[in-house]
C-alpha atoms as a PDB file:
ATOM      1  CA  MET A   1      73.341 132.658 -34.918  1.00  0.00           C
ATOM      2  CA  PHE A   2      75.006 135.786 -36.277  1.00  0.00           C
ATOM      3  CA  GLN A   3      76.294 138.514 -33.966  1.00  0.00           C
ATOM      4  CA  ALA A   4      75.628 142.263 -34.238  1.00  0.00           C
ATOM      5  CA  SER A   5      79.310 142.818 -33.420  1.00  0.00           C
ATOM      6  CA  GLU A   6      80.327 140.858 -36.529  1.00  0.00           C
ATOM      7  CA  ILE A   7      78.053 142.965 -38.740  1.00  0.00           C
ATOM      8  CA  LYS A   8      79.619 146.098 -37.255  1.00  0.00           C
ATOM      9  CA  ARG A   9      83.117 144.720 -37.861  1.00  0.00           C
ATOM     10  CA  LEU A  10      82.392 143.812 -41.494  1.00  0.00           C
ATOM     11  CA  ILE A  11      80.862 147.202 -42.302  1.00  0.00           C
ATOM     12  CA  GLU A  12      83.589 149.232 -40.616  1.00  0.00           C
ATOM     13  CA  ALA A  13      86.296 147.147 -42.314  1.00  0.00           C
ATOM     14  CA  ALA A  14      84.782 147.579 -45.783  1.00  0.00           C
ATOM     15  CA  LEU A  15      83.684 151.231 -45.759  1.00  0.00           C
ATOM     16  CA  PRO A  16      86.355 153.918 -45.314  1.00  0.00           C
ATOM     17  CA  GLY A  17      85.945 155.842 -42.065  1.00  0.00           C
ATOM     18  CA  ALA A  18      82.663 154.105 -41.262  1.00  0.00           C
ATOM     19  CA  VAL A  19      81.047 154.119 -37.844  1.00  0.00           C
ATOM     20  CA  ALA A  20      78.354 151.487 -37.391  1.00  0.00           C
ATOM     21  CA  SER A  21      75.889 150.830 -34.590  1.00  0.00           C
ATOM     22  CA  ILE A  22      74.068 147.502 -34.951  1.00  0.00           C
ATOM     23  CA  ALA A  23      71.385 145.914 -32.752  1.00  0.00           C
ATOM     24  CA  ASP A  24      69.913 142.409 -32.746  1.00  0.00           C
ATOM     25  CA  ASP A  25      66.323 143.594 -32.382  1.00  0.00           C
ATOM     26  CA  ALA A  26      64.608 140.249 -32.048  1.00  0.00           C
ATOM     27  CA  GLY A  27      67.454 138.567 -30.172  1.00  0.00           C
ATOM     28  CA  ASP A  28      67.405 135.794 -32.746  1.00  0.00           C
ATOM     29  CA  GLY A  29      70.682 136.507 -34.550  1.00  0.00           C
ATOM     30  CA  GLU A  30      68.835 137.055 -37.838  1.00  0.00           C
ATOM     31  CA  HIS A  31      66.889 140.341 -37.590  1.00  0.00           C
ATOM     32  CA  PHE A  32      68.999 143.442 -37.090  1.00  0.00           C
ATOM     33  CA  SER A  33      68.777 147.200 -37.268  1.00  0.00           C
ATOM     34  CA  GLY A  34      71.597 149.632 -37.626  1.00  0.00           C
ATOM     35  CA  GLU A  35      72.921 153.073 -38.324  1.00  0.00           C
ATOM     36  CA  VAL A  36      75.988 153.578 -40.473  1.00  0.00           C
ATOM     37  CA  MET A  37      77.959 156.749 -41.126  1.00  0.00           C
ATOM     38  CA  SER A  38      80.678 156.865 -43.761  1.00  0.00           C
ATOM     39  CA  PRO A  39      82.401 159.658 -45.658  1.00  0.00           C
ATOM     40  CA  SER A  40      82.170 157.369 -48.704  1.00  0.00           C
ATOM     41  CA  PHE A  41      78.398 158.007 -48.770  1.00  0.00           C
ATOM     42  CA  ALA A  42      78.912 161.635 -49.858  1.00  0.00           C
ATOM     43  CA  GLY A  43      77.322 162.196 -53.264  1.00  0.00           C
ATOM     44  CA  GLN A  44      75.522 158.839 -53.211  1.00  0.00           C
ATOM     45  CA  SER A  45      71.787 158.297 -53.208  1.00  0.00           C
ATOM     46  CA  LEU A  46      70.191 156.505 -50.275  1.00  0.00           C
ATOM     47  CA  VAL A  47      69.853 153.392 -52.424  1.00  0.00           C
ATOM     48  CA  GLN A  48      73.562 153.497 -53.313  1.00  0.00           C
ATOM     49  CA  GLN A  49      74.480 153.923 -49.644  1.00  0.00           C
ATOM     50  CA  HIS A  50      72.425 150.884 -48.664  1.00  0.00           C
ATOM     51  CA  GLN A  51      73.873 148.864 -51.531  1.00  0.00           C
ATOM     52  CA  ALA A  52      77.380 149.685 -50.279  1.00  0.00           C
ATOM     53  CA  VAL A  53      76.476 148.333 -46.836  1.00  0.00           C
ATOM     54  CA  TYR A  54      74.958 145.181 -48.354  1.00  0.00           C
ATOM     55  CA  ARG A  55      78.112 144.660 -50.445  1.00  0.00           C
ATOM     56  CA  ALA A  56      80.173 144.959 -47.262  1.00  0.00           C
ATOM     57  CA  LEU A  57      78.125 142.126 -45.758  1.00  0.00           C
ATOM     58  CA  GLY A  58      78.438 140.017 -48.898  1.00  0.00           C
ATOM     59  CA  ARG A  59      77.151 136.466 -48.698  1.00  0.00           C
ATOM     60  CA  HIS A  60      75.854 136.999 -45.160  1.00  0.00           C
ATOM     61  CA  MET A  61      72.884 139.028 -46.471  1.00  0.00           C
ATOM     62  CA  GLY A  62      70.034 136.620 -47.090  1.00  0.00           C
ATOM     63  CA  THR A  63      71.795 133.705 -45.423  1.00  0.00           C
ATOM     64  CA  ASP A  64      73.053 134.566 -41.924  1.00  0.00           C
ATOM     65  CA  ILE A  65      71.241 137.924 -41.864  1.00  0.00           C
ATOM     66  CA  HIS A  66      67.561 137.606 -42.681  1.00  0.00           C
ATOM     67  CA  ALA A  67      66.720 141.307 -42.266  1.00  0.00           C
ATOM     68  CA  LEU A  68      68.629 144.533 -41.683  1.00  0.00           C
ATOM     69  CA  GLN A  69      66.700 147.741 -41.087  1.00  0.00           C
ATOM     70  CA  LEU A  70      69.209 150.396 -42.057  1.00  0.00           C
ATOM     71  CA  LYS A  71      69.757 154.134 -41.682  1.00  0.00           C
ATOM     72  CA  THR A  72      72.781 155.608 -43.428  1.00  0.00           C
ATOM     73  CA  TYR A  73      74.420 158.991 -42.995  1.00  0.00           C
ATOM     74  CA  THR A  74      77.110 161.147 -44.496  1.00  0.00           C
ATOM     75  CA  PRO A  75      79.307 162.786 -41.813  1.00  0.00           C
ATOM     76  CA  GLU A  76      77.372 166.040 -42.221  1.00  0.00           C
ATOM     77  CA  ALA A  77      73.981 164.361 -41.821  1.00  0.00           C
ATOM     78  CA  TRP A  78      75.347 162.368 -38.863  1.00  0.00           C
ATOM     79  CA  ASN A  79      76.343 165.585 -37.096  1.00  0.00           C
ATOM     80  CA  ARG A  80      73.027 167.311 -37.948  1.00  0.00           C
ATOM     81  CA  ALA A  81      71.190 164.362 -36.420  1.00  0.00           C
ATOM     82  CA  GLY A  82      73.240 164.788 -33.246  1.00  0.00           C
ATOM     83  CA  LYS A  83      74.867 161.388 -33.600  1.00  0.00           C
ATOM     84  CA  GLY A  84      78.452 162.672 -33.488  1.00  0.00           C
ATOM     85  CA  ASN A  85      78.207 163.920 -29.916  1.00  0.00           C
END
């Protein structure tokens, strides 16, 4: 069973300045949702942002983590969404 806290740790360690909020939606340690903000997302498409998060999780995607519903933000979008407060 994988922990949401470990996903958060991996993402924040791999992406410069990242802030991640991860939840184990089903309580099964396999199906997660999360929001990730990173300055490194600036100038990247949504697909590129998600790929960066998946790279941060490496081999865990598809093995330990069955599903990850993801929302990604640049710092500006994070603040506009009221997440930075």
